[in-house]
């Protein structure tokens, strides 16, 4: 995507066509300020739009799924430190 896309929209179009082999969160942003985070499993891709905050926009991601649609696929249940 980095080599082929100049905008967030182009990157999203490419990502939606790519097969996904594992669970990922991908943050995409372009120089115009358009930002999204995509939560991905091998079967589902959920796009999270940037939120309006003050006089700008904000998007963030973490090492686990935060959308209600993909929380059931967070097998670590938010515990990404692997401590017992």
PDB file of N, CA and C in Angstrom:
ATOM      1  N   UNK A   1       0.828  -1.183   0.000  1.00  0.00           N
ATOM      2  CA  UNK A   1       0.000   0.000   0.000  1.00  0.00           C
ATOM      3  C   UNK A   1       0.871   1.245   0.000  1.00  0.00           C
ATOM      4  N   UNK A   2       1.987   1.207   0.730  1.00  0.00           N
ATOM      5  CA  UNK A   2       2.847   2.384   0.800  1.00  0.00           C
ATOM      6  C   UNK A   2       3.418   2.767  -0.564  1.00  0.00           C
ATOM      7  N   UNK A   3       3.691   1.784  -1.384  1.00  0.00           N
ATOM      8  CA  UNK A   3       4.285   2.052  -2.687  1.00  0.00           C
ATOM      9  C   UNK A   3       3.247   2.378  -3.764  1.00  0.00           C
ATOM     10  N   UNK A   4       2.009   2.010  -3.553  1.00  0.00           N
ATOM     11  CA  UNK A   4       1.012   2.137  -4.612  1.00  0.00           C
ATOM     12  C   UNK A   4      -0.070   3.180  -4.355  1.00  0.00           C
ATOM     13  N   UNK A   5      -0.221   3.632  -3.114  1.00  0.00           N
ATOM     14  CA  UNK A   5      -1.315   4.556  -2.787  1.00  0.00           C
ATOM     15  C   UNK A   5      -0.778   5.924  -2.390  1.00  0.00           C
ATOM     16  N   UNK A   6      -1.437   6.959  -2.876  1.00  0.00           N
ATOM     17  CA  UNK A   6      -1.091   8.328  -2.507  1.00  0.00           C
ATOM     18  C   UNK A   6      -2.087   8.928  -1.522  1.00  0.00           C
ATOM     19  N   UNK A   7      -3.256   8.309  -1.403  1.00  0.00           N
ATOM     20  CA  UNK A   7      -4.287   8.836  -0.515  1.00  0.00           C
ATOM     21  C   UNK A   7      -4.837   7.711   0.353  1.00  0.00           C
ATOM     22  N   UNK A   8      -5.511   8.114   1.407  1.00  0.00           N
ATOM     23  CA  UNK A   8      -6.167   7.134   2.281  1.00  0.00           C
ATOM     24  C   UNK A   8      -7.193   6.325   1.506  1.00  0.00           C
ATOM     25  N   UNK A   9      -7.931   6.972   0.630  1.00  0.00           N
ATOM     26  CA  UNK A   9      -8.949   6.269  -0.156  1.00  0.00           C
ATOM     27  C   UNK A   9      -8.318   5.199  -1.046  1.00  0.00           C
ATOM     28  N   UNK A  10      -7.207   5.532  -1.694  1.00  0.00           N
ATOM     29  CA  UNK A  10      -6.516   4.550  -2.534  1.00  0.00           C
ATOM     30  C   UNK A  10      -6.000   3.382  -1.690  1.00  0.00           C
ATOM     31  N   UNK A  11      -5.446   3.676  -0.521  1.00  0.00           N
ATOM     32  CA  UNK A  11      -4.946   2.624   0.364  1.00  0.00           C
ATOM     33  C   UNK A  11      -6.082   1.714   0.832  1.00  0.00           C
ATOM     34  N   UNK A  12      -7.234   2.300   1.169  1.00  0.00           N
ATOM     35  CA  UNK A  12      -8.387   1.497   1.579  1.00  0.00           C
ATOM     36  C   UNK A  12      -8.860   0.592   0.454  1.00  0.00           C
ATOM     37  N   UNK A  13      -8.907   1.119  -0.761  1.00  0.00           N
ATOM     38  CA  UNK A  13      -9.317   0.294  -1.901  1.00  0.00           C
ATOM     39  C   UNK A  13      -8.383  -0.896  -2.081  1.00  0.00           C
ATOM     40  N   UNK A  14      -7.083  -0.661  -1.952  1.00  0.00           N
ATOM     41  CA  UNK A  14      -6.116  -1.759  -2.061  1.00  0.00           C
ATOM     42  C   UNK A  14      -6.288  -2.755  -0.917  1.00  0.00           C
ATOM     43  N   UNK A  15      -6.418  -2.240   0.303  1.00  0.00           N
ATOM     44  CA  UNK A  15      -6.545  -3.110   1.469  1.00  0.00           C
ATOM     45  C   UNK A  15      -7.775  -4.007   1.376  1.00  0.00           C
ATOM     46  N   UNK A  16      -8.875  -3.472   0.885  1.00  0.00           N
ATOM     47  CA  UNK A  16     -10.098  -4.260   0.788  1.00  0.00           C
ATOM     48  C   UNK A  16      -9.970  -5.403  -0.213  1.00  0.00           C
ATOM     49  N   UNK A  17      -9.020  -5.313  -1.123  1.00  0.00           N
ATOM     50  CA  UNK A  17      -8.805  -6.383  -2.101  1.00  0.00           C
ATOM     51  C   UNK A  17      -7.775  -7.410  -1.646  1.00  0.00           C
ATOM     52  N   UNK A  18      -6.960  -7.053  -0.641  1.00  0.00           N
ATOM     53  CA  UNK A  18      -5.889  -7.945  -0.195  1.00  0.00           C
ATOM     54  C   UNK A  18      -6.407  -9.020   0.752  1.00  0.00           C
ATOM     55  N   UNK A  19      -5.884 -10.237   0.639  1.00  0.00           N
ATOM     56  CA  UNK A  19      -6.220 -11.253   1.641  1.00  0.00           C
ATOM     57  C   UNK A  19      -5.496 -10.944   2.948  1.00  0.00           C
ATOM     58  N   UNK A  20      -6.127 -11.249   4.051  1.00  0.00           N
ATOM     59  CA  UNK A  20      -5.552 -11.034   5.380  1.00  0.00           C
ATOM     60  C   UNK A  20      -5.363 -12.405   6.022  1.00  0.00           C
ATOM     61  N   UNK A  21      -4.163 -12.683   6.514  1.00  0.00           N
ATOM     62  CA  UNK A  21      -3.850 -14.004   7.060  1.00  0.00           C
ATOM     63  C   UNK A  21      -3.980 -14.078   8.578  1.00  0.00           C
ATOM     64  N   UNK A  22      -4.005 -12.937   9.248  1.00  0.00           N
ATOM     65  CA  UNK A  22      -4.046 -12.920  10.700  1.00  0.00           C
ATOM     66  C   UNK A  22      -4.788 -11.672  11.154  1.00  0.00           C
ATOM     67  N   UNK A  23      -4.949 -11.506  12.446  1.00  0.00           N
ATOM     68  CA  UNK A  23      -5.619 -10.323  12.975  1.00  0.00           C
ATOM     69  C   UNK A  23      -4.654  -9.146  13.001  1.00  0.00           C
ATOM     70  N   UNK A  24      -5.119  -7.990  12.497  1.00  0.00           N
ATOM     71  CA  UNK A  24      -4.303  -6.779  12.456  1.00  0.00           C
ATOM     72  C   UNK A  24      -5.156  -5.555  12.698  1.00  0.00           C
ATOM     73  N   UNK A  25      -4.520  -4.511  13.208  1.00  0.00           N
ATOM     74  CA  UNK A  25      -5.066  -3.164  13.209  1.00  0.00           C
ATOM     75  C   UNK A  25      -4.134  -2.328  12.348  1.00  0.00           C
ATOM     76  N   UNK A  26      -4.671  -1.646  11.359  1.00  0.00           N
ATOM     77  CA  UNK A  26      -3.845  -0.873  10.443  1.00  0.00           C
ATOM     78  C   UNK A  26      -4.311   0.581  10.465  1.00  0.00           C
ATOM     79  N   UNK A  27      -3.397   1.479  10.781  1.00  0.00           N
ATOM     80  CA  UNK A  27      -3.666   2.905  10.765  1.00  0.00           C
ATOM     81  C   UNK A  27      -3.219   3.453   9.420  1.00  0.00           C
ATOM     82  N   UNK A  28      -4.120   4.132   8.732  1.00  0.00           N
ATOM     83  CA  UNK A  28      -3.815   4.721   7.426  1.00  0.00           C
ATOM     84  C   UNK A  28      -4.061   6.222   7.520  1.00  0.00           C
ATOM     85  N   UNK A  29      -3.077   6.999   7.057  1.00  0.00           N
ATOM     86  CA  UNK A  29      -3.218   8.456   7.035  1.00  0.00           C
ATOM     87  C   UNK A  29      -2.494   8.998   5.810  1.00  0.00           C
ATOM     88  N   UNK A  30      -2.998  10.087   5.279  1.00  0.00           N
ATOM     89  CA  UNK A  30      -2.321  10.698   4.134  1.00  0.00           C
ATOM     90  C   UNK A  30      -1.950  12.143   4.456  1.00  0.00           C
ATOM     91  N   UNK A  31      -1.236  12.769   3.553  1.00  0.00           N
ATOM     92  CA  UNK A  31      -0.728  14.116   3.810  1.00  0.00           C
ATOM     93  C   UNK A  31      -1.822  15.183   3.837  1.00  0.00           C
ATOM     94  N   UNK A  32      -3.023  14.841   3.383  1.00  0.00           N
ATOM     95  CA  UNK A  32      -4.155  15.776   3.464  1.00  0.00           C
ATOM     96  C   UNK A  32      -4.819  15.748   4.838  1.00  0.00           C
ATOM     97  N   UNK A  33      -4.445  14.763   5.670  1.00  0.00           N
ATOM     98  CA  UNK A  33      -5.026  14.655   7.001  1.00  0.00           C
ATOM     99  C   UNK A  33      -6.158  13.647   7.107  1.00  0.00           C
ATOM    100  N   UNK A  34      -6.488  12.943   6.028  1.00  0.00           N
ATOM    101  CA  UNK A  34      -7.537  11.908   6.064  1.00  0.00           C
ATOM    102  C   UNK A  34      -6.966  10.683   6.763  1.00  0.00           C
ATOM    103  N   UNK A  35      -7.621  10.240   7.847  1.00  0.00           N
ATOM    104  CA  UNK A  35      -7.128   9.137   8.661  1.00  0.00           C
ATOM    105  C   UNK A  35      -8.233   8.124   8.947  1.00  0.00           C
ATOM    106  N   UNK A  36      -7.866   6.853   8.971  1.00  0.00           N
ATOM    107  CA  UNK A  36      -8.763   5.778   9.389  1.00  0.00           C
ATOM    108  C   UNK A  36      -7.927   4.713  10.088  1.00  0.00           C
ATOM    109  N   UNK A  37      -8.587   3.889  10.864  1.00  0.00           N
ATOM    110  CA  UNK A  37      -7.966   2.685  11.385  1.00  0.00           C
ATOM    111  C   UNK A  37      -8.821   1.520  10.906  1.00  0.00           C
ATOM    112  N   UNK A  38      -8.180   0.461  10.430  1.00  0.00           N
ATOM    113  CA  UNK A  38      -8.915  -0.700   9.933  1.00  0.00           C
ATOM    114  C   UNK A  38      -8.574  -1.889  10.820  1.00  0.00           C
ATOM    115  N   UNK A  39      -9.597  -2.440  11.464  1.00  0.00           N
ATOM    116  CA  UNK A  39      -9.445  -3.667  12.240  1.00  0.00           C
ATOM    117  C   UNK A  39      -9.700  -4.820  11.277  1.00  0.00           C
ATOM    118  N   UNK A  40      -8.746  -5.750  11.190  1.00  0.00           N
ATOM    119  CA  UNK A  40      -8.830  -6.824  10.197  1.00  0.00           C
ATOM    120  C   UNK A  40      -8.711  -8.197  10.836  1.00  0.00           C
ATOM    121  N   UNK A  41      -9.543  -9.105  10.372  1.00  0.00           N
ATOM    122  CA  UNK A  41      -9.379 -10.540  10.600  1.00  0.00           C
ATOM    123  C   UNK A  41      -9.321 -11.166   9.213  1.00  0.00           C
ATOM    124  N   UNK A  42      -9.049 -12.452   9.103  1.00  0.00           N
ATOM    125  CA  UNK A  42      -9.082 -13.065   7.775  1.00  0.00           C
ATOM    126  C   UNK A  42     -10.436 -12.949   7.065  1.00  0.00           C
ATOM    127  N   UNK A  43     -11.523 -12.731   7.826  1.00  0.00           N
ATOM    128  CA  UNK A  43     -12.858 -12.682   7.228  1.00  0.00           C
ATOM    129  C   UNK A  43     -13.558 -11.327   7.289  1.00  0.00           C
ATOM    130  N   UNK A  44     -13.085 -10.425   8.140  1.00  0.00           N
ATOM    131  CA  UNK A  44     -13.782  -9.152   8.367  1.00  0.00           C
ATOM    132  C   UNK A  44     -12.777  -8.003   8.338  1.00  0.00           C
ATOM    133  N   UNK A  45     -13.181  -6.894   7.731  1.00  0.00           N
ATOM    134  CA  UNK A  45     -12.412  -5.658   7.788  1.00  0.00           C
ATOM    135  C   UNK A  45     -13.366  -4.551   8.222  1.00  0.00           C
ATOM    136  N   UNK A  46     -13.086  -3.918   9.354  1.00  0.00           N
ATOM    137  CA  UNK A  46     -13.949  -2.868   9.923  1.00  0.00           C
ATOM    138  C   UNK A  46     -13.186  -1.559   9.904  1.00  0.00           C
ATOM    139  N   UNK A  47     -13.723  -0.569   9.209  1.00  0.00           N
ATOM    140  CA  UNK A  47     -13.089   0.741   9.088  1.00  0.00           C
ATOM    141  C   UNK A  47     -13.598   1.660  10.183  1.00  0.00           C
ATOM    142  N   UNK A  48     -12.669   2.252  10.923  1.00  0.00           N
ATOM    143  CA  UNK A  48     -13.000   3.247  11.935  1.00  0.00           C
ATOM    144  C   UNK A  48     -12.576   4.628  11.455  1.00  0.00           C
ATOM    145  N   UNK A  49     -13.515   5.536  11.363  1.00  0.00           N
ATOM    146  CA  UNK A  49     -13.234   6.891  10.882  1.00  0.00           C
ATOM    147  C   UNK A  49     -12.652   7.748  11.998  1.00  0.00           C
ATOM    148  N   UNK A  50     -11.892   8.762  11.617  1.00  0.00           N
ATOM    149  CA  UNK A  50     -11.371   9.735  12.570  1.00  0.00           C
ATOM    150  C   UNK A  50     -12.536  10.518  13.173  1.00  0.00           C
ATOM    151  N   UNK A  51     -12.402  10.897  14.424  1.00  0.00           N
ATOM    152  CA  UNK A  51     -13.437  11.661  15.126  1.00  0.00           C
ATOM    153  C   UNK A  51     -13.045  13.125  15.185  1.00  0.00           C
ATOM    154  N   UNK A  52     -14.024  13.998  15.089  1.00  0.00           N
ATOM    155  CA  UNK A  52     -13.787  15.431  15.205  1.00  0.00           C
ATOM    156  C   UNK A  52     -13.505  15.773  16.665  1.00  0.00           C
ATOM    157  N   UNK A  53     -12.362  16.427  16.891  1.00  0.00           N
ATOM    158  CA  UNK A  53     -11.965  16.826  18.242  1.00  0.00           C
ATOM    159  C   UNK A  53     -11.465  18.266  18.175  1.00  0.00           C
ATOM    160  N   UNK A  54     -12.082  19.132  18.958  1.00  0.00           N
ATOM    161  CA  UNK A  54     -11.743  20.557  18.944  1.00  0.00           C
ATOM    162  C   UNK A  54     -11.775  21.071  17.510  1.00  0.00           C
ATOM    163  N   UNK A  55     -10.641  21.511  16.975  1.00  0.00           N
ATOM    164  CA  UNK A  55     -10.638  22.026  15.607  1.00  0.00           C
ATOM    165  C   UNK A  55      -9.827  21.129  14.676  1.00  0.00           C
ATOM    166  N   UNK A  56      -9.817  19.818  14.970  1.00  0.00           N
ATOM    167  CA  UNK A  56      -9.108  18.856  14.136  1.00  0.00           C
ATOM    168  C   UNK A  56      -9.772  17.492  14.212  1.00  0.00           C
ATOM    169  N   UNK A  57      -9.024  16.460  13.816  1.00  0.00           N
ATOM    170  CA  UNK A  57      -9.544  15.096  13.837  1.00  0.00           C
ATOM    171  C   UNK A  57      -8.543  14.194  14.541  1.00  0.00           C
ATOM    172  N   UNK A  58      -9.058  13.098  15.112  1.00  0.00           N
ATOM    173  CA  UNK A  58      -8.234  12.178  15.880  1.00  0.00           C
ATOM    174  C   UNK A  58      -8.647  10.750  15.573  1.00  0.00           C
ATOM    175  N   UNK A  59      -7.661   9.889  15.383  1.00  0.00           N
ATOM    176  CA  UNK A  59      -7.899   8.463  15.253  1.00  0.00           C
ATOM    177  C   UNK A  59      -6.774   7.761  16.003  1.00  0.00           C
ATOM    178  N   UNK A  60      -7.079   6.655  16.650  1.00  0.00           N
ATOM    179  CA  UNK A  60      -6.034   5.913  17.348  1.00  0.00           C
ATOM    180  C   UNK A  60      -6.340   4.423  17.273  1.00  0.00           C
ATOM    181  N   UNK A  61      -5.328   3.629  17.556  1.00  0.00           N
ATOM    182  CA  UNK A  61      -5.493   2.192  17.580  1.00  0.00           C
ATOM    183  C   UNK A  61      -4.621   1.613  18.678  1.00  0.00           C
ATOM    184  N   UNK A  62      -4.947   0.419  19.102  1.00  0.00           N
ATOM    185  CA  UNK A  62      -4.196  -0.297  20.133  1.00  0.00           C
ATOM    186  C   UNK A  62      -3.963  -1.714  19.636  1.00  0.00           C
ATOM    187  N   UNK A  63      -3.341  -2.541  20.446  1.00  0.00           N
ATOM    188  CA  UNK A  63      -3.010  -3.905  20.034  1.00  0.00           C
ATOM    189  C   UNK A  63      -4.154  -4.894  20.185  1.00  0.00           C
ATOM    190  N   UNK A  64      -5.344  -4.411  20.418  1.00  0.00           N
ATOM    191  CA  UNK A  64      -6.508  -5.293  20.472  1.00  0.00           C
ATOM    192  C   UNK A  64      -7.667  -4.598  19.770  1.00  0.00           C
ATOM    193  N   UNK A  65      -8.677  -5.381  19.432  1.00  0.00           N
ATOM    194  CA  UNK A  65      -9.842  -4.813  18.754  1.00  0.00           C
ATOM    195  C   UNK A  65     -10.661  -3.994  19.741  1.00  0.00           C
ATOM    196  N   UNK A  66     -11.152  -2.850  19.275  1.00  0.00           N
ATOM    197  CA  UNK A  66     -11.973  -2.012  20.147  1.00  0.00           C
ATOM    198  C   UNK A  66     -13.418  -1.893  19.650  1.00  0.00           C
ATOM    199  N   UNK A  67     -13.666  -2.229  18.399  1.00  0.00           N
ATOM    200  CA  UNK A  67     -15.039  -2.148  17.893  1.00  0.00           C
ATOM    201  C   UNK A  67     -15.848  -3.331  18.432  1.00  0.00           C
ATOM    202  N   UNK A  68     -17.111  -3.077  18.716  1.00  0.00           N
ATOM    203  CA  UNK A  68     -17.982  -4.144  19.216  1.00  0.00           C
ATOM    204  C   UNK A  68     -18.056  -5.310  18.233  1.00  0.00           C
ATOM    205  N   UNK A  69     -18.011  -5.010  16.939  1.00  0.00           N
ATOM    206  CA  UNK A  69     -18.111  -6.050  15.904  1.00  0.00           C
ATOM    207  C   UNK A  69     -16.944  -7.042  15.969  1.00  0.00           C
ATOM    208  N   UNK A  70     -15.746  -6.540  16.336  1.00  0.00           N
ATOM    209  CA  UNK A  70     -14.570  -7.414  16.309  1.00  0.00           C
ATOM    210  C   UNK A  70     -14.066  -7.837  17.693  1.00  0.00           C
ATOM    211  N   UNK A  71     -14.638  -7.316  18.766  1.00  0.00           N
ATOM    212  CA  UNK A  71     -14.207  -7.733  20.112  1.00  0.00           C
ATOM    213  C   UNK A  71     -14.252  -9.250  20.311  1.00  0.00           C
ATOM    214  N   UNK A  72     -15.235  -9.969  19.759  1.00  0.00           N
ATOM    215  CA  UNK A  72     -15.231 -11.429  19.937  1.00  0.00           C
ATOM    216  C   UNK A  72     -13.988 -12.116  19.342  1.00  0.00           C
ATOM    217  N   UNK A  73     -13.280 -11.439  18.440  1.00  0.00           N
ATOM    218  CA  UNK A  73     -12.085 -12.020  17.816  1.00  0.00           C
ATOM    219  C   UNK A  73     -10.801 -11.643  18.553  1.00  0.00           C
ATOM    220  N   UNK A  74     -10.913 -10.889  19.641  1.00  0.00           N
ATOM    221  CA  UNK A  74      -9.763 -10.518  20.455  1.00  0.00           C
ATOM    222  C   UNK A  74      -9.517 -11.642  21.456  1.00  0.00           C
ATOM    223  N   UNK A  75      -8.796 -12.651  21.004  1.00  0.00           N
ATOM    224  CA  UNK A  75      -8.605 -13.852  21.818  1.00  0.00           C
ATOM    225  C   UNK A  75      -7.765 -13.606  23.063  1.00  0.00           C
ATOM    226  N   UNK A  76      -6.947 -12.555  23.076  1.00  0.00           N
ATOM    227  CA  UNK A  76      -6.161 -12.216  24.258  1.00  0.00           C
ATOM    228  C   UNK A  76      -7.003 -11.426  25.275  1.00  0.00           C
ATOM    229  N   UNK A  77      -8.220 -11.049  24.878  1.00  0.00           N
ATOM    230  CA  UNK A  77      -9.137 -10.280  25.719  1.00  0.00           C
ATOM    231  C   UNK A  77      -8.478  -8.999  26.256  1.00  0.00           C
ATOM    232  N   UNK A  78      -7.675  -8.356  25.413  1.00  0.00           N
ATOM    233  CA  UNK A  78      -7.047  -7.108  25.780  1.00  0.00           C
ATOM    234  C   UNK A  78      -5.742  -7.273  26.537  1.00  0.00           C
ATOM    235  N   UNK A  79      -5.374  -8.495  26.903  1.00  0.00           N
ATOM    236  CA  UNK A  79      -4.132  -8.747  27.637  1.00  0.00           C
ATOM    237  C   UNK A  79      -3.038  -9.081  26.630  1.00  0.00           C
ATOM    238  N   UNK A  80      -2.329  -8.085  26.173  1.00  0.00           N
ATOM    239  CA  UNK A  80      -1.304  -8.274  25.161  1.00  0.00           C
ATOM    240  C   UNK A  80       0.101  -8.373  25.729  1.00  0.00           C
ATOM    241  N   UNK A  81       0.228  -8.397  27.054  1.00  0.00           N
ATOM    242  CA  UNK A  81       1.557  -8.438  27.661  1.00  0.00           C
ATOM    243  C   UNK A  81       2.063  -9.863  27.832  1.00  0.00           C
ATOM    244  N   UNK A  82       1.215 -10.855  27.700  1.00  0.00           N
ATOM    245  CA  UNK A  82       1.549 -12.271  27.832  1.00  0.00           C
ATOM    246  C   UNK A  82       2.127 -12.599  29.219  1.00  0.00           C
ATOM    247  N   UNK A  83       1.769 -11.836  30.231  1.00  0.00           N
ATOM    248  CA  UNK A  83       2.174 -12.148  31.597  1.00  0.00           C
ATOM    249  C   UNK A  83       1.120 -13.036  32.224  1.00  0.00           C
ATOM    250  N   UNK A  84       1.575 -13.883  33.104  1.00  0.00           N
ATOM    251  CA  UNK A  84       0.632 -14.768  33.810  1.00  0.00           C
ATOM    252  C   UNK A  84       0.275 -14.220  35.151  1.00  0.00           C
TER     253      UNK A  84
END
